[in-house]
Amino acid sequence: MVVVDLILEGLLIALLVFTPLAFGAVHVWSLALMQAALVVAAALWLARLVWTRPPSRRAQAPSADPGTFTFLGYRFVRTGLGIPVVLMVVLGAAQMIPVPAAVTRMVSPGAAVLFSRSLPGYSEAGVVDFRTLEPWLTGRDTGLIAQWLDGSSSPVQPPPSSGGARPLSIHPHRTVWGWMTLAALLMAFLVTVHTLKSRLQIERLCWVVILVGLGLAVMGVAHRIEGTGPIYGFYPVPGGAFPMGPFLSAREFAAYMVLALPLALGMLAWWLARLRAPLWSAGGTGALRLTGLLRQGEPIARIGLSGFSSLAMLASLMMPASRGAILALGLSALLYGACRFAGGYVRRAGALARAAGLAGGAMALLLLGSWQPDRPGLEEEPAQSVSLASMVRGWSAALDVAPGYPLLGAGLGAYADVRLGAPSLAAHPDGLSRLLLETGLIGLVLSLWGCAVLVRRHVLAGMPRDRGFPADTALRHGMAVGLLAILILCLWDVSPVTGAVSLLAAVLAALLVAENRREAGA
């Protein structure tokens, strides 16, 4: 079974390297490869689970580990996220099930109106009249359709009636892809949380994320200095896009750095504390300590690499003036430190000094996020400006359209199709607006439920008291701050629609769960 674990870890590492380099995994081919690799990983994990099933008496015995539970004789990690995540997958599947027109009118009146105007035979009358089509459906062919109607062009037979059952999603093809991506991310989470258990495995995967983030940061800075030319020197940039490194959007690049930068800082703090502890505990003069420090070759190299990676990622966030990402990092650091202090996790005097330093760094990030530098030589993406007025306008427009898709939404991935009929919606929606319109009120509640469980049980809890910020927990703090920052960022700025950002968030959430179990001695 060790070979299977190595294969699973290798697949996860390959995906964490491949997805950001493949333009953020936004194209069909890259998403398909990501989904196929995760299906293979899930199949290997299930095969190992079945092969190593314990004897029946052992399997039926209650688990001594409170962090696990037994289901059908198999033991799984208890995360608290099972019910909301599974229900979210079921909701996505329900959007693809054909239902009668009467059910559609009751559950999703906006979709019923759209279908009656665009699908021949869907309305009760069953009469096809192309003049009732939504204007955006005809596009550039408006004149041709007018010729068909007045008979000046070659006759066109009306298509046969297509009334009857139809999925609730207004774009089933995109919903299928969205559901497949959601299921693949669930597989990534399950495989990671059940496979990576030791500190060596967790640290190895974190180093992969940090090194990939370093490479992306260097590519992003170089790309923005040279201008918005072809990506990798050969891939043309679509019109209206503002790329950053291999990502087609600077917003998605900044969302990736929001997850990778705190992890690099956590790794830096971890190795600094590990290097400091044996030297200071040994005592001696300053010269002896300096000599001992110089002999620590590996820690010095890791400290230098993680520190340089942190500086490079922070510099890359400065380049596109991504105020939303910087504000999210500052707010998450302040919120995380405040919650730990209020919960009694930080009580020692030394920890107060560290908390003061954390608050100072967070305030510096907040000031940087509120400052918009004047760089006439660089183009900036206009949609990335964050303000209270833009947030209110986006939420107000989403609330105006949401009553048309109240319970189950318009379908996963169908936001762009909804916006065609409602131009007031933002072109780059925040996570809440996108969830509300694509999954309805039920999907929004399930998502908020899952996020609340993740934050309460894994991000802000699970640590023994009176430990402050020791070396053994610094890496965990980096994961927690990054996940909290991406959740805050989704409130007002960008929704993680790229495969690279979503996969990294799922893997880091699983690593955080595994790290909490490891620290608890499970």
Protein backbone atom coordinates (compact mmCIF):
# COMPACT_ATOMS: atom_id res chain seq x y z
CA MET A 1 0.00 0.00 0.00
CA VAL A 2 3.02 2.28 0.32
CA VAL A 3 3.29 2.28 -3.48
CA VAL A 4 -0.33 3.43 -3.80
CA ASP A 5 0.31 6.25 -1.33
CA LEU A 6 3.33 7.38 -3.35
CA ILE A 7 1.31 7.29 -6.58
CA LEU A 8 -1.49 9.33 -5.00
CA GLU A 9 0.96 11.88 -3.64
CA GLY A 10 2.65 12.07 -7.03
CA LEU A 11 -0.69 12.71 -8.78
CA LEU A 12 -1.51 15.53 -6.36
CA ILE A 13 1.92 17.11 -6.86
CA ALA A 14 1.61 16.82 -10.64
CA LEU A 15 -1.81 18.52 -10.57
CA LEU A 16 -0.62 21.32 -8.29
CA VAL A 17 2.17 22.04 -10.78
CA PHE A 18 0.12 21.51 -13.95
CA THR A 19 -3.07 23.46 -13.21
CA PRO A 20 -1.56 26.95 -12.66
CA LEU A 21 0.85 26.56 -15.57
CA ALA A 22 -2.03 25.47 -17.86
CA PHE A 23 -3.40 29.06 -17.85
CA GLY A 24 -5.03 28.45 -14.48
CA ALA A 25 -6.98 25.42 -15.79
CA VAL A 26 -9.81 27.42 -17.36
CA HIS A 27 -9.96 25.64 -20.71
CA VAL A 28 -11.88 22.45 -21.40
CA TRP A 29 -8.76 20.40 -22.11
CA SER A 30 -7.01 21.38 -18.88
CA LEU A 31 -10.13 20.88 -16.77
CA ALA A 32 -10.69 17.49 -18.40
CA LEU A 33 -7.13 16.41 -17.59
CA MET A 34 -7.51 17.60 -14.00
CA GLN A 35 -10.81 15.75 -13.60
CA ALA A 36 -9.44 12.56 -15.18
CA ALA A 37 -6.37 12.57 -12.90
CA LEU A 38 -8.53 13.07 -9.81
CA VAL A 39 -10.87 10.26 -10.88
CA VAL A 40 -7.84 7.97 -11.19
CA ALA A 41 -6.61 9.10 -7.77
CA ALA A 42 -10.04 8.48 -6.22
CA ALA A 43 -10.22 5.02 -7.83
CA LEU A 44 -6.79 4.10 -6.42
CA TRP A 45 -7.78 5.37 -2.98
CA LEU A 46 -11.02 3.36 -3.02
CA ALA A 47 -9.16 0.26 -4.21
CA ARG A 48 -6.68 0.62 -1.36
CA LEU A 49 -9.56 1.21 1.08
CA VAL A 50 -11.32 -1.98 0.00
CA TRP A 51 -8.12 -4.00 -0.09
CA THR A 52 -7.11 -3.00 3.44
CA ARG A 53 -10.55 -3.38 5.01
CA PRO A 54 -10.17 -4.71 8.57
CA PRO A 55 -11.85 -7.94 9.72
CA SER A 56 -15.57 -7.73 10.33
CA ARG A 57 -15.35 -7.73 14.14
CA ARG A 58 -12.77 -4.97 14.16
CA ALA A 59 -14.73 -2.98 11.61
CA GLN A 60 -17.92 -3.14 13.65
CA ALA A 61 -16.17 -2.03 16.83
CA PRO A 62 -16.51 1.65 17.66
CA SER A 63 -13.52 3.76 16.70
CA ALA A 64 -11.25 4.90 19.53
CA ASP A 65 -10.18 7.91 17.48
CA PRO A 66 -12.76 10.72 17.84
CA GLY A 67 -11.55 12.16 14.55
CA THR A 68 -12.75 9.15 12.55
CA PHE A 69 -16.01 7.28 12.00
CA THR A 70 -16.93 3.89 10.57
CA PHE A 71 -19.29 3.50 7.61
CA LEU A 72 -20.13 0.09 6.12
CA GLY A 73 -17.07 -1.32 7.83
CA TYR A 74 -14.71 1.30 6.45
CA ARG A 75 -13.04 4.00 8.51
CA PHE A 76 -13.06 7.63 7.33
CA VAL A 77 -11.77 10.92 8.70
CA ARG A 78 -14.44 12.99 10.41
CA THR A 79 -14.31 16.51 8.96
CA GLY A 80 -17.83 17.84 9.59
CA LEU A 81 -18.05 18.85 5.94
CA GLY A 82 -19.65 15.65 4.66
CA ILE A 83 -23.31 16.65 4.78
CA PRO A 84 -23.09 20.13 3.17
CA VAL A 85 -20.63 18.97 0.49
CA VAL A 86 -22.65 15.88 -0.44
CA LEU A 87 -25.87 17.90 -0.54
CA MET A 88 -24.15 20.44 -2.79
CA VAL A 89 -23.17 17.67 -5.19
CA VAL A 90 -26.76 16.37 -5.11
CA LEU A 91 -28.06 19.88 -5.85
CA GLY A 92 -25.81 20.14 -8.90
CA ALA A 93 -27.08 16.78 -10.12
CA ALA A 94 -30.68 17.86 -9.56
CA GLN A 95 -30.15 20.85 -11.87
CA MET A 96 -29.45 18.43 -14.73
CA ILE A 97 -32.54 16.20 -14.24
CA PRO A 98 -35.28 16.93 -16.83
CA VAL A 99 -38.51 18.12 -15.18
CA PRO A 100 -41.89 19.09 -16.63
CA ALA A 101 -42.62 22.70 -17.53
CA ALA A 102 -45.07 23.00 -14.62
CA VAL A 103 -42.32 22.13 -12.12
CA THR A 104 -39.94 24.59 -13.77
CA ARG A 105 -42.49 27.40 -13.52
CA MET A 106 -42.95 26.65 -9.83
CA VAL A 107 -39.29 26.14 -8.83
CA SER A 108 -37.51 28.47 -11.30
CA PRO A 109 -39.88 31.03 -12.87
CA GLY A 110 -37.03 32.90 -14.53
CA ALA A 111 -35.91 29.76 -16.35
CA ALA A 112 -39.51 29.02 -17.38
CA VAL A 113 -39.88 32.48 -18.93
CA LEU A 114 -36.55 32.10 -20.74
CA PHE A 115 -37.46 28.65 -22.08
CA SER A 116 -40.88 29.80 -23.30
CA ARG A 117 -39.27 32.63 -25.26
CA SER A 118 -36.39 30.68 -26.74
CA LEU A 119 -37.40 27.01 -27.07
CA PRO A 120 -39.93 26.22 -29.79
CA GLY A 121 -42.91 24.36 -28.39
CA TYR A 122 -41.99 24.85 -24.74
CA SER A 123 -44.88 27.22 -24.00
CA GLU A 124 -48.35 25.89 -23.44
CA ALA A 125 -49.58 27.19 -26.82
CA GLY A 126 -46.87 25.27 -28.64
CA VAL A 127 -46.76 27.88 -31.46
CA VAL A 128 -43.33 28.81 -32.81
CA ASP A 129 -42.85 32.53 -33.40
CA PHE A 130 -39.24 33.61 -33.87
CA ARG A 131 -40.20 37.20 -33.05
CA THR A 132 -40.63 36.13 -29.42
CA LEU A 133 -37.01 35.09 -29.15
CA GLU A 134 -34.86 36.93 -26.63
CA PRO A 135 -32.84 39.55 -28.58
CA TRP A 136 -29.51 38.19 -27.32
CA LEU A 137 -30.33 34.76 -28.75
CA THR A 138 -30.45 36.05 -32.31
CA GLY A 139 -27.17 37.95 -32.03
CA ARG A 140 -25.84 39.01 -35.43
CA ASP A 141 -28.48 36.98 -37.28
CA THR A 142 -31.36 39.34 -36.48
CA GLY A 143 -31.61 40.49 -40.08
CA LEU A 144 -31.57 36.94 -41.42
CA ILE A 145 -34.40 35.90 -39.11
CA ALA A 146 -36.41 38.92 -40.24
CA GLN A 147 -35.98 37.76 -43.85
CA TRP A 148 -37.19 34.29 -42.88
CA LEU A 149 -40.28 35.80 -41.31
CA ASP A 150 -41.27 38.02 -44.28
CA GLY A 151 -40.49 35.26 -46.82
CA SER A 152 -37.82 37.19 -48.74
CA SER A 153 -35.29 34.46 -48.04
CA SER A 154 -35.39 30.76 -48.71
CA PRO A 155 -38.17 29.14 -46.72
CA VAL A 156 -37.20 27.64 -43.41
CA GLN A 157 -39.33 24.99 -41.84
CA PRO A 158 -39.99 25.58 -38.15
CA PRO A 159 -38.18 23.05 -35.99
CA PRO A 160 -40.28 20.36 -34.41
CA SER A 161 -41.80 20.99 -31.04
CA SER A 162 -39.37 20.45 -28.19
CA GLY A 163 -41.79 20.97 -25.35
CA GLY A 164 -41.92 18.69 -22.33
CA ALA A 165 -39.32 17.88 -19.74
CA ARG A 166 -36.14 19.95 -19.62
CA PRO A 167 -33.36 20.41 -17.01
CA LEU A 168 -33.65 23.37 -14.67
CA SER A 169 -30.24 24.62 -15.77
CA ILE A 170 -30.46 27.23 -18.52
CA HIS A 171 -27.15 25.92 -19.91
CA PRO A 172 -26.97 22.17 -19.15
CA HIS A 173 -23.59 21.72 -20.86
CA ARG A 174 -21.89 24.20 -18.56
CA THR A 175 -23.70 22.76 -15.58
CA VAL A 176 -22.38 19.30 -16.40
CA TRP A 177 -18.84 20.69 -16.47
CA GLY A 178 -19.41 22.60 -13.26
CA TRP A 179 -20.78 19.52 -11.53
CA MET A 180 -17.89 17.39 -12.74
CA THR A 181 -15.42 19.98 -11.44
CA LEU A 182 -17.20 20.09 -8.08
CA ALA A 183 -17.11 16.29 -7.83
CA ALA A 184 -13.42 16.27 -8.81
CA LEU A 185 -12.59 18.81 -6.07
CA LEU A 186 -14.42 16.61 -3.57
CA MET A 187 -12.25 13.69 -4.71
CA ALA A 188 -9.11 15.82 -4.27
CA PHE A 189 -10.16 16.70 -0.72
CA LEU A 190 -10.95 13.10 0.24
CA VAL A 191 -7.77 11.67 -1.28
CA THR A 192 -5.58 14.32 0.37
CA VAL A 193 -7.11 14.10 3.84
CA HIS A 194 -6.93 10.28 3.88
CA THR A 195 -3.51 9.88 2.25
CA LEU A 196 -1.26 12.63 3.64
CA LYS A 197 -0.97 12.01 7.36
CA SER A 198 2.70 12.41 8.35
CA ARG A 199 4.49 15.72 8.81
CA LEU A 200 6.97 14.81 6.05
CA GLN A 201 4.16 14.32 3.52
CA ILE A 202 2.42 17.56 4.53
CA GLU A 203 5.65 19.55 4.40
CA ARG A 204 6.56 18.09 1.01
CA LEU A 205 3.25 19.14 -0.54
CA CYS A 206 3.53 22.60 1.04
CA TRP A 207 6.98 23.04 -0.51
CA VAL A 208 5.51 22.19 -3.90
CA VAL A 209 2.90 24.95 -3.50
CA ILE A 210 5.54 27.44 -2.34
CA LEU A 211 7.91 26.69 -5.22
CA VAL A 212 5.09 26.88 -7.76
CA GLY A 213 4.04 30.19 -6.22
CA LEU A 214 7.63 31.46 -6.50
CA GLY A 215 7.77 30.51 -10.18
CA LEU A 216 4.40 32.12 -10.89
CA ALA A 217 5.44 35.29 -9.06
CA VAL A 218 8.63 35.63 -11.13
CA MET A 219 6.71 34.95 -14.34
CA GLY A 220 3.99 37.42 -13.35
CA VAL A 221 6.37 40.27 -12.54
CA ALA A 222 8.36 39.71 -15.72
CA HIS A 223 5.19 39.52 -17.81
CA ARG A 224 3.74 42.75 -16.44
CA ILE A 225 7.03 44.64 -16.87
CA GLU A 226 7.28 43.56 -20.50
CA GLY A 227 3.61 44.33 -21.15
CA THR A 228 0.57 42.22 -21.93
CA GLY A 229 2.18 40.21 -24.70
CA PRO A 230 1.60 36.55 -25.53
CA ILE A 231 1.70 34.15 -22.61
CA TYR A 232 4.79 31.92 -22.75
CA GLY A 233 5.74 33.94 -25.82
CA PHE A 234 3.32 32.09 -28.12
CA TYR A 235 -0.20 31.96 -26.64
CA PRO A 236 -2.16 35.04 -27.76
CA VAL A 237 -3.99 37.01 -25.10
CA PRO A 238 -7.75 37.28 -25.78
CA GLY A 239 -9.11 40.75 -26.34
CA GLY A 240 -10.01 42.55 -23.13
CA ALA A 241 -7.97 40.18 -20.95
CA PHE A 242 -5.37 41.44 -18.46
CA PRO A 243 -3.06 38.45 -17.92
CA MET A 244 -0.59 37.93 -15.12
CA GLY A 245 1.98 35.22 -15.59
CA PRO A 246 0.25 32.15 -17.07
CA PHE A 247 -3.16 33.27 -15.77
CA LEU A 248 -5.54 34.98 -18.20
CA SER A 249 -6.71 37.35 -15.45
CA ALA A 250 -4.73 39.24 -12.83
CA ARG A 251 -7.64 38.70 -10.45
CA GLU A 252 -7.26 34.93 -10.58
CA PHE A 253 -3.48 35.27 -10.22
CA ALA A 254 -4.00 37.35 -7.08
CA ALA A 255 -6.46 34.76 -5.71
CA TYR A 256 -3.80 32.06 -6.13
CA MET A 257 -1.22 34.20 -4.31
CA VAL A 258 -3.67 34.78 -1.46
CA LEU A 259 -3.45 31.05 -0.76
CA ALA A 260 0.26 30.53 -1.46
CA LEU A 261 1.76 33.61 0.27
CA PRO A 262 0.59 32.83 3.86
CA LEU A 263 1.79 29.25 3.40
CA ALA A 264 5.28 30.52 2.48
CA LEU A 265 5.28 32.85 5.50
CA GLY A 266 4.20 29.97 7.73
CA MET A 267 7.03 27.82 6.39
CA LEU A 268 9.47 30.68 7.02
CA ALA A 269 8.29 31.10 10.62
CA TRP A 270 8.42 27.34 11.19
CA TRP A 271 12.03 26.98 10.09
CA LEU A 272 13.08 30.16 11.93
CA ALA A 273 11.65 28.77 15.16
CA ARG A 274 13.21 25.35 14.55
CA LEU A 275 16.60 26.96 13.98
CA ARG A 276 16.33 29.30 16.95
CA ALA A 277 15.26 26.75 19.58
CA PRO A 278 18.36 24.48 19.75
CA LEU A 279 20.81 27.40 19.50
CA TRP A 280 19.24 29.41 22.31
CA SER A 281 18.66 26.40 24.53
CA ALA A 282 22.35 25.44 24.26
CA GLY A 283 23.42 28.75 25.76
CA GLY A 284 26.97 30.05 25.36
CA THR A 285 28.37 33.29 24.02
CA GLY A 286 27.21 35.10 20.93
CA ALA A 287 30.24 33.82 18.98
CA LEU A 288 29.39 30.21 19.80
CA ARG A 289 25.80 30.75 18.77
CA LEU A 290 26.91 32.33 15.50
CA THR A 291 29.22 29.36 14.84
CA GLY A 292 26.36 26.96 15.51
CA LEU A 293 24.13 28.98 13.23
CA LEU A 294 26.58 28.78 10.37
CA ARG A 295 26.73 25.00 10.73
CA GLN A 296 22.98 24.69 10.21
CA GLY A 297 23.15 24.41 6.42
CA GLU A 298 19.76 22.92 5.63
CA PRO A 299 17.65 25.22 7.86
CA ILE A 300 19.46 28.29 6.51
CA ALA A 301 18.76 27.20 2.92
CA ARG A 302 15.08 26.54 3.66
CA ILE A 303 14.73 29.85 5.47
CA GLY A 304 16.30 31.68 2.55
CA LEU A 305 14.10 29.91 0.01
CA SER A 306 10.85 30.43 1.90
CA GLY A 307 11.76 34.06 2.68
CA PHE A 308 12.64 34.85 -0.93
CA SER A 309 9.44 33.13 -2.09
CA SER A 310 7.39 35.27 0.31
CA LEU A 311 8.99 38.49 -0.93
CA ALA A 312 8.51 37.50 -4.58
CA MET A 313 4.82 36.67 -4.06
CA LEU A 314 4.21 39.91 -2.20
CA ALA A 315 5.95 41.85 -4.98
CA SER A 316 3.77 40.13 -7.57
CA LEU A 317 0.66 41.23 -5.67
CA MET A 318 1.92 44.80 -5.84
CA MET A 319 2.29 44.67 -9.62
CA PRO A 320 -1.36 44.37 -10.66
CA ALA A 321 -2.43 46.63 -7.78
CA SER A 322 -4.76 43.90 -6.57
CA ARG A 323 -6.24 45.82 -3.70
CA GLY A 324 -8.89 43.19 -3.01
CA ALA A 325 -6.34 40.43 -2.46
CA ILE A 326 -4.12 42.58 -0.23
CA LEU A 327 -7.10 43.75 1.83
CA ALA A 328 -8.27 40.15 2.22
CA LEU A 329 -4.83 39.09 3.48
CA GLY A 330 -4.70 41.93 5.99
CA LEU A 331 -8.22 41.33 7.27
CA SER A 332 -7.71 37.58 7.55
CA ALA A 333 -4.50 38.05 9.56
CA LEU A 334 -6.23 40.47 11.94
CA LEU A 335 -9.31 38.28 12.27
CA TYR A 336 -7.28 35.12 12.83
CA GLY A 337 -5.10 36.73 15.48
CA ALA A 338 -8.08 38.36 17.21
CA CYS A 339 -10.05 35.11 17.32
CA ARG A 340 -7.11 33.20 18.77
CA PHE A 341 -6.52 35.88 21.39
CA ALA A 342 -10.22 36.08 22.31
CA GLY A 343 -10.45 32.28 22.49
CA GLY A 344 -7.62 32.07 24.99
CA TYR A 345 -5.12 30.40 22.66
CA VAL A 346 -2.57 33.20 23.16
CA ARG A 347 -1.74 34.17 26.74
CA ARG A 348 2.01 34.37 27.20
CA ALA A 349 3.91 37.65 27.11
CA GLY A 350 6.09 36.51 24.22
CA ALA A 351 3.02 35.60 22.24
CA LEU A 352 1.65 39.12 22.76
CA ALA A 353 4.75 40.53 21.08
CA ARG A 354 4.21 38.19 18.15
CA ALA A 355 0.57 39.19 18.00
CA ALA A 356 1.59 42.86 17.92
CA GLY A 357 3.92 42.11 15.02
CA LEU A 358 1.15 40.22 13.23
CA ALA A 359 -1.24 43.13 13.72
CA GLY A 360 1.38 45.57 12.44
CA GLY A 361 1.96 43.49 9.32
CA ALA A 362 -1.77 43.16 8.75
CA MET A 363 -2.26 46.90 9.08
CA ALA A 364 0.56 47.46 6.60
CA LEU A 365 -1.23 45.15 4.15
CA LEU A 366 -4.45 47.06 4.70
CA LEU A 367 -2.70 50.35 3.96
CA LEU A 368 -1.11 48.89 0.84
CA GLY A 369 -4.48 47.60 -0.27
CA SER A 370 -6.11 50.98 0.15
CA TRP A 371 -3.27 52.76 -1.72
CA GLN A 372 -3.47 52.71 -5.50
CA PRO A 373 -0.06 53.59 -6.98
CA ASP A 374 0.32 55.58 -10.16
CA ARG A 375 2.24 53.48 -12.69
CA PRO A 376 1.65 54.95 -16.13
CA GLY A 377 3.73 52.29 -17.85
CA LEU A 378 1.49 49.41 -16.77
CA GLU A 379 -2.09 48.70 -17.77
CA GLU A 380 -4.44 47.77 -14.97
CA GLU A 381 -7.56 45.65 -15.09
CA PRO A 382 -10.43 48.07 -14.47
CA ALA A 383 -12.73 45.45 -12.97
CA GLN A 384 -10.36 44.68 -10.11
CA SER A 385 -10.99 47.95 -8.26
CA VAL A 386 -12.64 47.20 -4.90
CA SER A 387 -14.97 49.73 -3.32
CA LEU A 388 -18.05 49.71 -1.13
CA ALA A 389 -20.12 51.23 -3.93
CA SER A 390 -19.14 48.48 -6.40
CA MET A 391 -19.94 45.81 -3.81
CA VAL A 392 -23.38 47.28 -3.16
CA ARG A 393 -24.11 47.61 -6.87
CA GLY A 394 -23.12 44.00 -7.53
CA TRP A 395 -25.19 42.59 -4.66
CA SER A 396 -28.16 44.79 -5.55
CA ALA A 397 -28.13 43.60 -9.18
CA ALA A 398 -27.86 39.96 -8.05
CA LEU A 399 -30.79 40.38 -5.65
CA ASP A 400 -32.90 41.85 -8.45
CA VAL A 401 -32.32 38.79 -10.68
CA ALA A 402 -32.31 36.10 -7.96
CA PRO A 403 -36.14 35.89 -7.56
CA GLY A 404 -36.27 34.34 -11.03
CA TYR A 405 -34.12 31.43 -9.80
CA PRO A 406 -35.00 31.30 -6.09
CA LEU A 407 -34.39 27.76 -4.85
CA LEU A 408 -32.05 25.78 -7.12
CA GLY A 409 -30.55 28.60 -9.19
CA ALA A 410 -29.91 28.88 -12.90
CA GLY A 411 -27.34 26.07 -12.97
CA LEU A 412 -23.67 25.63 -12.09
CA GLY A 413 -21.53 27.66 -14.47
CA ALA A 414 -24.54 29.49 -15.96
CA TYR A 415 -23.78 32.96 -14.56
CA ALA A 416 -22.62 34.25 -17.95
CA ASP A 417 -25.90 33.07 -19.52
CA VAL A 418 -27.94 34.79 -16.81
CA ARG A 419 -25.98 37.99 -17.41
CA LEU A 420 -26.91 37.94 -21.12
CA GLY A 421 -30.50 38.61 -20.11
CA ALA A 422 -29.54 40.95 -17.24
CA PRO A 423 -26.72 43.29 -18.32
CA SER A 424 -26.81 45.04 -14.93
CA LEU A 425 -25.00 42.06 -13.39
CA ALA A 426 -21.26 42.41 -12.87
CA ALA A 427 -19.00 40.88 -15.49
CA HIS A 428 -16.67 39.59 -12.74
CA PRO A 429 -18.99 38.55 -9.90
CA ASP A 430 -18.10 38.01 -6.28
CA GLY A 431 -18.51 34.55 -4.81
CA LEU A 432 -21.79 35.27 -2.98
CA SER A 433 -23.53 36.70 -6.05
CA ARG A 434 -22.36 33.84 -8.22
CA LEU A 435 -23.49 31.22 -5.71
CA LEU A 436 -26.89 32.86 -5.27
CA LEU A 437 -27.63 32.98 -8.99
CA GLU A 438 -26.14 29.61 -9.97
CA THR A 439 -27.31 27.47 -7.03
CA GLY A 440 -30.17 29.48 -5.54
CA LEU A 441 -30.95 29.97 -1.89
CA ILE A 442 -30.41 26.28 -1.11
CA GLY A 443 -26.93 26.27 -2.62
CA LEU A 444 -26.01 29.51 -0.86
CA VAL A 445 -27.09 28.13 2.52
CA LEU A 446 -25.17 24.88 1.94
CA SER A 447 -22.03 26.79 0.92
CA LEU A 448 -22.20 29.09 3.94
CA TRP A 449 -22.80 26.07 6.15
CA GLY A 450 -19.70 24.33 4.81
CA CYS A 451 -17.58 27.48 5.15
CA ALA A 452 -18.78 28.01 8.74
CA VAL A 453 -17.87 24.41 9.65
CA LEU A 454 -14.45 24.75 8.01
CA VAL A 455 -13.68 27.99 9.85
CA ARG A 456 -15.06 26.91 13.23
CA ARG A 457 -13.72 23.35 13.39
CA HIS A 458 -10.47 23.62 11.48
CA VAL A 459 -9.34 27.21 10.89
CA LEU A 460 -10.03 28.83 14.27
CA ALA A 461 -10.06 25.77 16.53
CA GLY A 462 -8.33 22.48 17.16
CA MET A 463 -5.26 23.90 18.97
CA PRO A 464 -4.23 23.32 22.60
CA ARG A 465 -4.22 26.41 24.75
CA ASP A 466 -1.21 28.28 26.11
CA ARG A 467 0.97 27.31 23.15
CA GLY A 468 1.14 30.64 21.38
CA PHE A 469 2.83 30.37 17.98
CA PRO A 470 5.46 27.63 18.40
CA ALA A 471 7.45 26.09 15.60
CA ASP A 472 5.25 23.03 15.32
CA THR A 473 2.13 25.06 14.53
CA ALA A 474 3.50 27.84 12.31
CA LEU A 475 2.77 25.93 9.11
CA ARG A 476 -0.81 25.37 10.24
CA HIS A 477 -1.25 29.11 10.79
CA GLY A 478 -0.18 29.77 7.21
CA MET A 479 -2.80 27.35 5.86
CA ALA A 480 -5.51 28.81 8.09
CA VAL A 481 -4.80 32.45 7.20
CA GLY A 482 -4.71 31.63 3.48
CA LEU A 483 -8.05 29.80 3.56
CA LEU A 484 -9.62 32.56 5.63
CA ALA A 485 -8.29 35.16 3.17
CA ILE A 486 -9.75 33.42 0.10
CA LEU A 487 -13.13 33.20 1.85
CA ILE A 488 -13.00 36.93 2.64
CA LEU A 489 -11.90 37.70 -0.92
CA CYS A 490 -14.92 35.84 -2.30
CA LEU A 491 -17.24 38.14 -0.34
CA TRP A 492 -16.52 41.19 -2.46
CA ASP A 493 -14.09 40.48 -5.25
CA VAL A 494 -13.41 37.28 -7.16
CA SER A 495 -14.96 33.84 -7.13
CA PRO A 496 -12.39 31.03 -7.57
CA VAL A 497 -13.68 29.82 -10.93
CA THR A 498 -10.33 28.56 -12.24
CA GLY A 499 -9.36 24.97 -11.65
CA ALA A 500 -5.97 25.96 -10.24
CA VAL A 501 -7.34 28.19 -7.46
CA SER A 502 -10.17 25.80 -6.58
CA LEU A 503 -7.86 22.78 -6.47
CA LEU A 504 -5.31 24.59 -4.29
CA ALA A 505 -8.05 25.67 -1.86
CA ALA A 506 -9.41 22.10 -1.63
CA VAL A 507 -5.93 20.63 -1.06
CA LEU A 508 -5.01 23.22 1.59
CA ALA A 509 -8.29 22.61 3.41
CA ALA A 510 -7.51 18.88 3.44
CA LEU A 511 -3.92 19.53 4.62
CA LEU A 512 -5.28 21.72 7.43
CA VAL A 513 -7.58 18.90 8.57
CA ALA A 514 -4.69 16.41 8.39
CA GLU A 515 -2.38 18.78 10.29
CA ASN A 516 -4.96 19.27 13.05
CA ARG A 517 -5.32 15.48 13.41
CA ARG A 518 -1.54 15.03 13.45
CA GLU A 519 -1.08 17.68 16.16
CA ALA A 520 -3.87 16.09 18.21
CA GLY A 521 -1.99 12.80 18.09
CA ALA A 522 -4.54 11.00 15.93
